[in-house]
Amino acid sequence: MQVGNSSMELTKDDSFTNVLLKLKGQSVDIILKNGQTRTGKIKLESDFFIQVERQDSKSFYDSIIRNEDISAVEMKVRS
């Protein structure tokens, strides 16, 4: 799978946390279980949370999101 300017290989054995690690530094849309969306680059990933550097009108804010609150992650895979 091509993500941004780099490629990312996914396997059926990848955990959600492992996929987030592979997306570190990439621009993504994080869809939360409550329906809200956070857009930015994944700055830090752990087993329990991710840190997202915001890329909107509040670009000087980062978000810390618990992995259990994430419903989906969208990323650009082709131009």
N, C-alpha and C. Protein backbone atom coordinates (compact mmCIF):
# COMPACT_ATOMS: atom_id res chain seq x y z
N MET A 1 0.84 -1.16 0.00
CA MET A 1 0.00 0.00 0.00
C MET A 1 0.89 1.23 0.00
N GLN A 2 0.63 2.17 -0.85
CA GLN A 2 1.36 3.42 -0.93
C GLN A 2 0.68 4.44 -0.02
N VAL A 3 1.37 4.98 0.96
CA VAL A 3 0.83 5.98 1.86
C VAL A 3 1.68 7.22 1.72
N GLY A 4 1.06 8.31 1.27
CA GLY A 4 1.82 9.54 1.07
C GLY A 4 2.93 9.30 0.07
N ASN A 5 4.16 9.57 0.47
CA ASN A 5 5.31 9.37 -0.39
C ASN A 5 6.05 8.08 -0.10
N SER A 6 5.52 7.26 0.79
CA SER A 6 6.19 6.01 1.13
C SER A 6 5.21 4.85 1.03
N SER A 7 5.76 3.65 1.02
CA SER A 7 4.88 2.49 0.95
C SER A 7 4.80 1.82 2.32
N MET A 8 3.68 1.17 2.57
CA MET A 8 3.46 0.51 3.84
C MET A 8 2.88 -0.86 3.55
N GLU A 9 3.50 -1.87 4.07
CA GLU A 9 3.01 -3.23 3.89
C GLU A 9 2.18 -3.63 5.10
N LEU A 10 0.96 -4.07 4.88
CA LEU A 10 0.12 -4.58 5.94
C LEU A 10 0.01 -6.09 5.80
N THR A 11 -0.06 -6.76 6.93
CA THR A 11 -0.28 -8.20 6.92
C THR A 11 -1.48 -8.51 7.80
N LYS A 12 -2.03 -9.69 7.64
CA LYS A 12 -3.19 -10.07 8.44
C LYS A 12 -2.86 -10.19 9.92
N ASP A 13 -1.57 -10.30 10.26
CA ASP A 13 -1.15 -10.44 11.65
C ASP A 13 -0.84 -9.10 12.31
N ASP A 14 -0.91 -7.98 11.58
CA ASP A 14 -0.64 -6.67 12.15
C ASP A 14 -1.69 -6.32 13.19
N SER A 15 -1.25 -5.77 14.32
CA SER A 15 -2.18 -5.25 15.32
C SER A 15 -2.49 -3.80 14.96
N PHE A 16 -3.54 -3.28 15.56
CA PHE A 16 -3.91 -1.88 15.31
C PHE A 16 -2.77 -0.96 15.73
N THR A 17 -2.15 -1.26 16.87
CA THR A 17 -1.03 -0.46 17.35
C THR A 17 0.14 -0.50 16.38
N ASN A 18 0.40 -1.66 15.79
CA ASN A 18 1.48 -1.80 14.82
C ASN A 18 1.20 -0.97 13.57
N VAL A 19 -0.04 -0.94 13.13
CA VAL A 19 -0.41 -0.13 11.97
C VAL A 19 -0.21 1.35 12.28
N LEU A 20 -0.60 1.79 13.48
CA LEU A 20 -0.38 3.19 13.87
C LEU A 20 1.11 3.53 13.86
N LEU A 21 1.94 2.60 14.31
CA LEU A 21 3.39 2.81 14.29
C LEU A 21 3.89 3.00 12.87
N LYS A 22 3.37 2.21 11.93
CA LYS A 22 3.77 2.32 10.52
C LYS A 22 3.32 3.65 9.92
N LEU A 23 2.28 4.27 10.49
CA LEU A 23 1.76 5.54 9.98
C LEU A 23 2.42 6.76 10.64
N LYS A 24 3.36 6.53 11.56
CA LYS A 24 4.02 7.65 12.25
C LYS A 24 4.63 8.61 11.23
N GLY A 25 4.34 9.89 11.40
CA GLY A 25 4.85 10.92 10.51
C GLY A 25 3.96 11.18 9.30
N GLN A 26 2.94 10.36 9.12
CA GLN A 26 2.03 10.51 7.99
C GLN A 26 0.82 11.34 8.39
N SER A 27 0.25 12.04 7.41
CA SER A 27 -0.97 12.79 7.63
C SER A 27 -2.16 11.84 7.56
N VAL A 28 -3.00 11.88 8.60
CA VAL A 28 -4.14 10.96 8.69
C VAL A 28 -5.37 11.69 9.23
N ASP A 29 -6.51 11.08 9.01
CA ASP A 29 -7.75 11.49 9.67
C ASP A 29 -8.08 10.39 10.67
N ILE A 30 -8.20 10.76 11.94
CA ILE A 30 -8.56 9.82 13.00
C ILE A 30 -10.04 10.00 13.28
N ILE A 31 -10.84 8.96 13.05
CA ILE A 31 -12.26 9.02 13.34
C ILE A 31 -12.48 8.36 14.69
N LEU A 32 -13.04 9.13 15.61
CA LEU A 32 -13.27 8.64 16.96
C LEU A 32 -14.62 7.94 17.07
N LYS A 33 -14.77 7.15 18.10
CA LYS A 33 -16.02 6.41 18.32
C LYS A 33 -17.21 7.34 18.52
N ASN A 34 -16.95 8.58 18.99
CA ASN A 34 -18.05 9.53 19.18
C ASN A 34 -18.40 10.29 17.89
N GLY A 35 -17.74 9.94 16.78
CA GLY A 35 -18.04 10.55 15.49
C GLY A 35 -17.17 11.73 15.12
N GLN A 36 -16.42 12.28 16.06
CA GLN A 36 -15.53 13.40 15.77
C GLN A 36 -14.32 12.92 14.98
N THR A 37 -13.72 13.84 14.23
CA THR A 37 -12.53 13.53 13.44
C THR A 37 -11.39 14.45 13.86
N ARG A 38 -10.22 13.89 13.97
CA ARG A 38 -8.99 14.66 14.22
C ARG A 38 -8.08 14.45 13.02
N THR A 39 -7.57 15.55 12.48
CA THR A 39 -6.68 15.48 11.32
C THR A 39 -5.31 15.97 11.73
N GLY A 40 -4.28 15.26 11.30
CA GLY A 40 -2.91 15.67 11.60
C GLY A 40 -1.93 14.56 11.31
N LYS A 41 -0.71 14.77 11.77
CA LYS A 41 0.34 13.76 11.61
C LYS A 41 0.54 13.04 12.92
N ILE A 42 0.71 11.73 12.83
CA ILE A 42 0.99 10.94 14.02
C ILE A 42 2.42 11.23 14.44
N LYS A 43 2.55 11.79 15.64
CA LYS A 43 3.85 12.19 16.16
C LYS A 43 4.45 11.12 17.06
N LEU A 44 3.59 10.49 17.87
CA LEU A 44 4.04 9.48 18.84
C LEU A 44 2.96 8.43 18.94
N GLU A 45 3.38 7.19 19.06
CA GLU A 45 2.44 6.07 19.13
C GLU A 45 2.88 5.17 20.27
N SER A 46 1.91 4.69 21.05
CA SER A 46 2.20 3.72 22.10
C SER A 46 1.10 2.66 22.11
N ASP A 47 1.20 1.71 23.01
CA ASP A 47 0.16 0.68 23.12
C ASP A 47 -1.16 1.25 23.62
N PHE A 48 -1.14 2.45 24.20
CA PHE A 48 -2.33 2.99 24.85
C PHE A 48 -2.85 4.29 24.21
N PHE A 49 -2.00 5.06 23.55
CA PHE A 49 -2.43 6.35 22.99
C PHE A 49 -1.58 6.73 21.80
N ILE A 50 -2.08 7.72 21.06
CA ILE A 50 -1.26 8.34 20.01
C ILE A 50 -1.28 9.85 20.24
N GLN A 51 -0.22 10.50 19.81
CA GLN A 51 -0.14 11.95 19.82
C GLN A 51 -0.24 12.41 18.38
N VAL A 52 -1.22 13.30 18.11
CA VAL A 52 -1.45 13.78 16.76
C VAL A 52 -1.13 15.27 16.71
N GLU A 53 -0.23 15.64 15.80
CA GLU A 53 0.11 17.04 15.58
C GLU A 53 -0.95 17.62 14.66
N ARG A 54 -1.73 18.56 15.15
CA ARG A 54 -2.88 19.08 14.41
C ARG A 54 -2.44 19.92 13.21
N GLN A 55 -3.21 19.83 12.14
CA GLN A 55 -2.90 20.56 10.91
C GLN A 55 -4.11 21.36 10.43
N ASP A 56 -4.74 22.06 11.35
CA ASP A 56 -5.89 22.87 10.96
C ASP A 56 -5.71 24.27 11.54
N SER A 57 -6.79 24.97 11.74
CA SER A 57 -6.70 26.33 12.25
C SER A 57 -6.08 26.40 13.65
N LYS A 58 -6.05 25.27 14.36
CA LYS A 58 -5.43 25.20 15.67
C LYS A 58 -4.11 24.45 15.58
N SER A 59 -3.30 24.79 14.59
CA SER A 59 -2.09 24.02 14.29
C SER A 59 -1.08 24.02 15.42
N PHE A 60 -1.24 24.91 16.39
CA PHE A 60 -0.30 24.93 17.50
C PHE A 60 -0.73 24.00 18.63
N TYR A 61 -1.77 23.21 18.42
CA TYR A 61 -2.23 22.24 19.40
C TYR A 61 -1.91 20.83 18.93
N ASP A 62 -1.62 19.95 19.86
CA ASP A 62 -1.51 18.52 19.60
C ASP A 62 -2.65 17.83 20.35
N SER A 63 -3.03 16.66 19.90
CA SER A 63 -4.04 15.87 20.58
C SER A 63 -3.42 14.58 21.07
N ILE A 64 -3.82 14.16 22.25
CA ILE A 64 -3.48 12.85 22.77
C ILE A 64 -4.78 12.05 22.74
N ILE A 65 -4.78 10.94 22.02
CA ILE A 65 -6.00 10.16 21.81
C ILE A 65 -5.75 8.73 22.29
N ARG A 66 -6.65 8.24 23.14
CA ARG A 66 -6.54 6.86 23.59
C ARG A 66 -6.86 5.93 22.43
N ASN A 67 -6.06 4.91 22.24
CA ASN A 67 -6.29 3.96 21.15
C ASN A 67 -7.68 3.35 21.21
N GLU A 68 -8.20 3.13 22.42
CA GLU A 68 -9.53 2.52 22.56
C GLU A 68 -10.65 3.44 22.09
N ASP A 69 -10.37 4.75 21.94
CA ASP A 69 -11.38 5.70 21.47
C ASP A 69 -11.41 5.84 19.95
N ILE A 70 -10.47 5.19 19.26
CA ILE A 70 -10.37 5.31 17.81
C ILE A 70 -11.26 4.28 17.14
N SER A 71 -12.09 4.77 16.23
CA SER A 71 -12.96 3.87 15.46
C SER A 71 -12.30 3.49 14.13
N ALA A 72 -11.64 4.47 13.49
CA ALA A 72 -11.01 4.23 12.18
C ALA A 72 -9.91 5.26 11.94
N VAL A 73 -9.01 4.91 11.03
CA VAL A 73 -7.96 5.82 10.59
C VAL A 73 -8.01 5.87 9.07
N GLU A 74 -8.09 7.09 8.53
CA GLU A 74 -8.08 7.25 7.07
C GLU A 74 -6.78 7.92 6.67
N MET A 75 -6.19 7.43 5.57
CA MET A 75 -4.96 8.04 5.08
C MET A 75 -5.00 8.04 3.56
N LYS A 76 -4.27 8.99 2.99
CA LYS A 76 -4.19 9.08 1.53
C LYS A 76 -3.27 7.98 1.02
N VAL A 77 -3.77 7.16 0.10
CA VAL A 77 -2.95 6.07 -0.40
C VAL A 77 -2.64 6.18 -1.89
N ARG A 78 -3.27 7.11 -2.57
CA ARG A 78 -2.94 7.35 -3.98
C ARG A 78 -3.30 8.79 -4.34
N SER A 79 -2.61 9.28 -5.33
CA SER A 79 -2.82 10.68 -5.77
C SER A 79 -3.89 10.78 -6.81
